[in-house]
Amino acid sequence: LDLEKQVNKSLLDLHVTASKNTDAHLTNMLEEDFLEEQVESIEKLGNMITRLKRAGTSGLGEFLFDKELK
C-alpha cells in the first residue's frame, strides 16, 4: 500500500509539472491512463488490509479471505 501511495504521489508531482509547463497531452495521459488506476488500486488494497485486520488471527478469517481471492 505504501508503494502504491508513493507511486501515486510521484505521478501527481509529474502532473503538476506538466500542468505548469502547459503540456496538455501529458496531463491528459496521466489522468486517463495512470492516476485513476492508482486511486483504484490504493482503495482496493486499503479495503483488503481492513478486512484482514477485522478477520483476526484465528485462522478461519484468513482462510475465508484467501478463498475469496482465488
N, C-alpha and C. Protein backbone atom coordinates (compact mmCIF):
# COMPACT_ATOMS: atom_id res chain seq x y z
N LEU A 1 0.84 -1.19 0.00
CA LEU A 1 0.00 0.00 0.00
C LEU A 1 0.88 1.25 0.00
N ASP A 2 1.94 1.21 0.80
CA ASP A 2 2.84 2.37 0.83
C ASP A 2 3.48 2.62 -0.53
N LEU A 3 3.84 1.55 -1.21
CA LEU A 3 4.45 1.69 -2.54
C LEU A 3 3.45 2.32 -3.51
N GLU A 4 2.21 1.88 -3.47
CA GLU A 4 1.18 2.46 -4.34
C GLU A 4 1.00 3.95 -4.05
N LYS A 5 1.04 4.31 -2.78
CA LYS A 5 0.90 5.72 -2.41
C LYS A 5 2.09 6.54 -2.90
N GLN A 6 3.28 5.96 -2.83
CA GLN A 6 4.47 6.67 -3.32
C GLN A 6 4.41 6.87 -4.83
N VAL A 7 3.98 5.84 -5.54
CA VAL A 7 3.84 5.95 -7.00
C VAL A 7 2.80 7.00 -7.33
N ASN A 8 1.69 7.01 -6.60
CA ASN A 8 0.63 7.99 -6.84
C ASN A 8 1.15 9.41 -6.61
N LYS A 9 1.92 9.61 -5.54
CA LYS A 9 2.47 10.93 -5.26
C LYS A 9 3.42 11.36 -6.38
N SER A 10 4.23 10.45 -6.86
CA SER A 10 5.15 10.78 -7.96
C SER A 10 4.39 11.15 -9.22
N LEU A 11 3.32 10.42 -9.50
CA LEU A 11 2.51 10.75 -10.67
C LEU A 11 1.83 12.11 -10.51
N LEU A 12 1.37 12.41 -9.30
CA LEU A 12 0.76 13.71 -9.06
C LEU A 12 1.78 14.84 -9.20
N ASP A 13 3.00 14.61 -8.72
CA ASP A 13 4.06 15.61 -8.89
C ASP A 13 4.36 15.84 -10.36
N LEU A 14 4.42 14.76 -11.12
CA LEU A 14 4.65 14.88 -12.56
C LEU A 14 3.49 15.62 -13.23
N HIS A 15 2.28 15.36 -12.77
CA HIS A 15 1.10 16.04 -13.31
C HIS A 15 1.19 17.55 -13.06
N VAL A 16 1.62 17.92 -11.86
CA VAL A 16 1.78 19.34 -11.53
C VAL A 16 2.82 19.98 -12.45
N THR A 17 3.93 19.30 -12.65
CA THR A 17 4.98 19.82 -13.53
C THR A 17 4.47 19.97 -14.95
N ALA A 18 3.74 18.97 -15.43
CA ALA A 18 3.19 19.04 -16.79
C ALA A 18 2.18 20.19 -16.90
N SER A 19 1.39 20.39 -15.86
CA SER A 19 0.41 21.49 -15.88
C SER A 19 1.11 22.84 -15.91
N LYS A 20 2.16 22.98 -15.11
CA LYS A 20 2.90 24.26 -15.08
C LYS A 20 3.52 24.56 -16.43
N ASN A 21 3.89 23.52 -17.16
CA ASN A 21 4.50 23.70 -18.48
C ASN A 21 3.48 23.59 -19.61
N THR A 22 2.22 23.65 -19.26
CA THR A 22 1.09 23.58 -20.20
C THR A 22 1.23 22.43 -21.20
N ASP A 23 1.55 21.26 -20.68
CA ASP A 23 1.65 20.06 -21.51
C ASP A 23 0.34 19.29 -21.37
N ALA A 24 -0.63 19.66 -22.20
CA ALA A 24 -1.96 19.07 -22.11
C ALA A 24 -1.97 17.58 -22.41
N HIS A 25 -1.14 17.16 -23.33
CA HIS A 25 -1.10 15.74 -23.69
C HIS A 25 -0.63 14.88 -22.52
N LEU A 26 0.42 15.32 -21.84
CA LEU A 26 0.94 14.54 -20.71
C LEU A 26 -0.05 14.54 -19.55
N THR A 27 -0.65 15.70 -19.25
CA THR A 27 -1.61 15.74 -18.14
C THR A 27 -2.80 14.83 -18.44
N ASN A 28 -3.26 14.85 -19.67
CA ASN A 28 -4.39 14.01 -20.05
C ASN A 28 -4.02 12.53 -19.95
N MET A 29 -2.84 12.17 -20.44
CA MET A 29 -2.41 10.77 -20.39
C MET A 29 -2.27 10.30 -18.94
N LEU A 30 -1.69 11.13 -18.09
CA LEU A 30 -1.53 10.77 -16.69
C LEU A 30 -2.89 10.55 -16.02
N GLU A 31 -3.82 11.46 -16.30
CA GLU A 31 -5.15 11.36 -15.69
C GLU A 31 -5.88 10.11 -16.15
N GLU A 32 -5.88 9.86 -17.45
CA GLU A 32 -6.67 8.76 -18.00
C GLU A 32 -6.02 7.39 -17.85
N ASP A 33 -4.70 7.34 -17.98
CA ASP A 33 -4.03 6.04 -18.01
C ASP A 33 -3.42 5.61 -16.69
N PHE A 34 -3.11 6.55 -15.81
CA PHE A 34 -2.36 6.18 -14.61
C PHE A 34 -3.05 6.55 -13.31
N LEU A 35 -3.47 7.80 -13.17
CA LEU A 35 -3.96 8.26 -11.87
C LEU A 35 -5.24 7.55 -11.44
N GLU A 36 -6.16 7.34 -12.35
CA GLU A 36 -7.40 6.64 -11.99
C GLU A 36 -7.09 5.23 -11.51
N GLU A 37 -6.20 4.55 -12.22
CA GLU A 37 -5.83 3.19 -11.85
C GLU A 37 -5.14 3.16 -10.48
N GLN A 38 -4.30 4.14 -10.22
CA GLN A 38 -3.61 4.20 -8.94
C GLN A 38 -4.60 4.38 -7.79
N VAL A 39 -5.55 5.27 -7.96
CA VAL A 39 -6.55 5.51 -6.91
C VAL A 39 -7.36 4.24 -6.66
N GLU A 40 -7.74 3.55 -7.72
CA GLU A 40 -8.49 2.31 -7.56
C GLU A 40 -7.66 1.25 -6.84
N SER A 41 -6.38 1.15 -7.17
CA SER A 41 -5.50 0.18 -6.53
C SER A 41 -5.32 0.49 -5.05
N ILE A 42 -5.13 1.76 -4.73
CA ILE A 42 -4.97 2.17 -3.33
C ILE A 42 -6.23 1.84 -2.54
N GLU A 43 -7.38 2.13 -3.12
CA GLU A 43 -8.65 1.84 -2.44
C GLU A 43 -8.82 0.33 -2.23
N LYS A 44 -8.52 -0.44 -3.26
CA LYS A 44 -8.67 -1.90 -3.18
C LYS A 44 -7.74 -2.49 -2.12
N LEU A 45 -6.48 -2.07 -2.13
CA LEU A 45 -5.53 -2.57 -1.14
C LEU A 45 -5.92 -2.14 0.28
N GLY A 46 -6.37 -0.91 0.42
CA GLY A 46 -6.82 -0.43 1.73
C GLY A 46 -7.98 -1.24 2.26
N ASN A 47 -8.93 -1.55 1.38
CA ASN A 47 -10.07 -2.38 1.79
C ASN A 47 -9.63 -3.78 2.19
N MET A 48 -8.68 -4.34 1.44
CA MET A 48 -8.18 -5.68 1.77
C MET A 48 -7.48 -5.69 3.13
N ILE A 49 -6.68 -4.68 3.39
CA ILE A 49 -5.98 -4.60 4.67
C ILE A 49 -6.98 -4.48 5.81
N THR A 50 -8.00 -3.66 5.63
CA THR A 50 -9.03 -3.51 6.66
C THR A 50 -9.74 -4.83 6.92
N ARG A 51 -10.09 -5.54 5.85
CA ARG A 51 -10.77 -6.82 6.01
C ARG A 51 -9.89 -7.84 6.72
N LEU A 52 -8.61 -7.85 6.39
CA LEU A 52 -7.69 -8.79 7.06
C LEU A 52 -7.55 -8.46 8.54
N LYS A 53 -7.50 -7.19 8.88
CA LYS A 53 -7.41 -6.80 10.30
C LYS A 53 -8.66 -7.24 11.05
N ARG A 54 -9.81 -7.09 10.41
CA ARG A 54 -11.07 -7.50 11.05
C ARG A 54 -11.19 -9.01 11.17
N ALA A 55 -10.54 -9.73 10.27
CA ALA A 55 -10.63 -11.20 10.28
C ALA A 55 -9.98 -11.80 11.52
N GLY A 56 -9.03 -11.10 12.08
CA GLY A 56 -8.37 -11.61 13.28
C GLY A 56 -7.32 -12.65 12.96
N THR A 57 -6.85 -13.29 14.00
CA THR A 57 -5.75 -14.25 13.84
C THR A 57 -6.18 -15.68 14.12
N SER A 58 -7.47 -15.93 14.14
CA SER A 58 -7.95 -17.27 14.45
C SER A 58 -7.67 -18.28 13.34
N GLY A 59 -7.44 -17.80 12.15
CA GLY A 59 -7.17 -18.69 11.03
C GLY A 59 -8.36 -18.82 10.11
N LEU A 60 -9.56 -18.87 10.66
CA LEU A 60 -10.75 -19.03 9.83
C LEU A 60 -10.97 -17.79 8.96
N GLY A 61 -10.83 -16.61 9.56
CA GLY A 61 -10.99 -15.38 8.80
C GLY A 61 -9.98 -15.27 7.67
N GLU A 62 -8.75 -15.63 7.96
CA GLU A 62 -7.71 -15.61 6.94
C GLU A 62 -8.01 -16.62 5.84
N PHE A 63 -8.49 -17.78 6.24
CA PHE A 63 -8.83 -18.82 5.27
C PHE A 63 -9.94 -18.34 4.34
N LEU A 64 -10.98 -17.74 4.90
CA LEU A 64 -12.10 -17.26 4.08
C LEU A 64 -11.65 -16.12 3.17
N PHE A 65 -10.80 -15.24 3.68
CA PHE A 65 -10.27 -14.15 2.86
C PHE A 65 -9.46 -14.71 1.70
N ASP A 66 -8.60 -15.66 1.99
CA ASP A 66 -7.77 -16.28 0.95
C ASP A 66 -8.64 -16.98 -0.09
N LYS A 67 -9.70 -17.61 0.37
CA LYS A 67 -10.61 -18.32 -0.53
C LYS A 67 -11.29 -17.34 -1.49
N GLU A 68 -11.62 -16.15 -1.00
CA GLU A 68 -12.25 -15.12 -1.85
C GLU A 68 -11.31 -14.64 -2.95
N LEU A 69 -10.02 -14.61 -2.66
CA LEU A 69 -9.05 -14.12 -3.64
C LEU A 69 -8.89 -15.04 -4.83
N LYS A 70 -9.18 -16.31 -4.64
CA LYS A 70 -8.98 -17.28 -5.72
C LYS A 70 -10.09 -17.28 -6.70
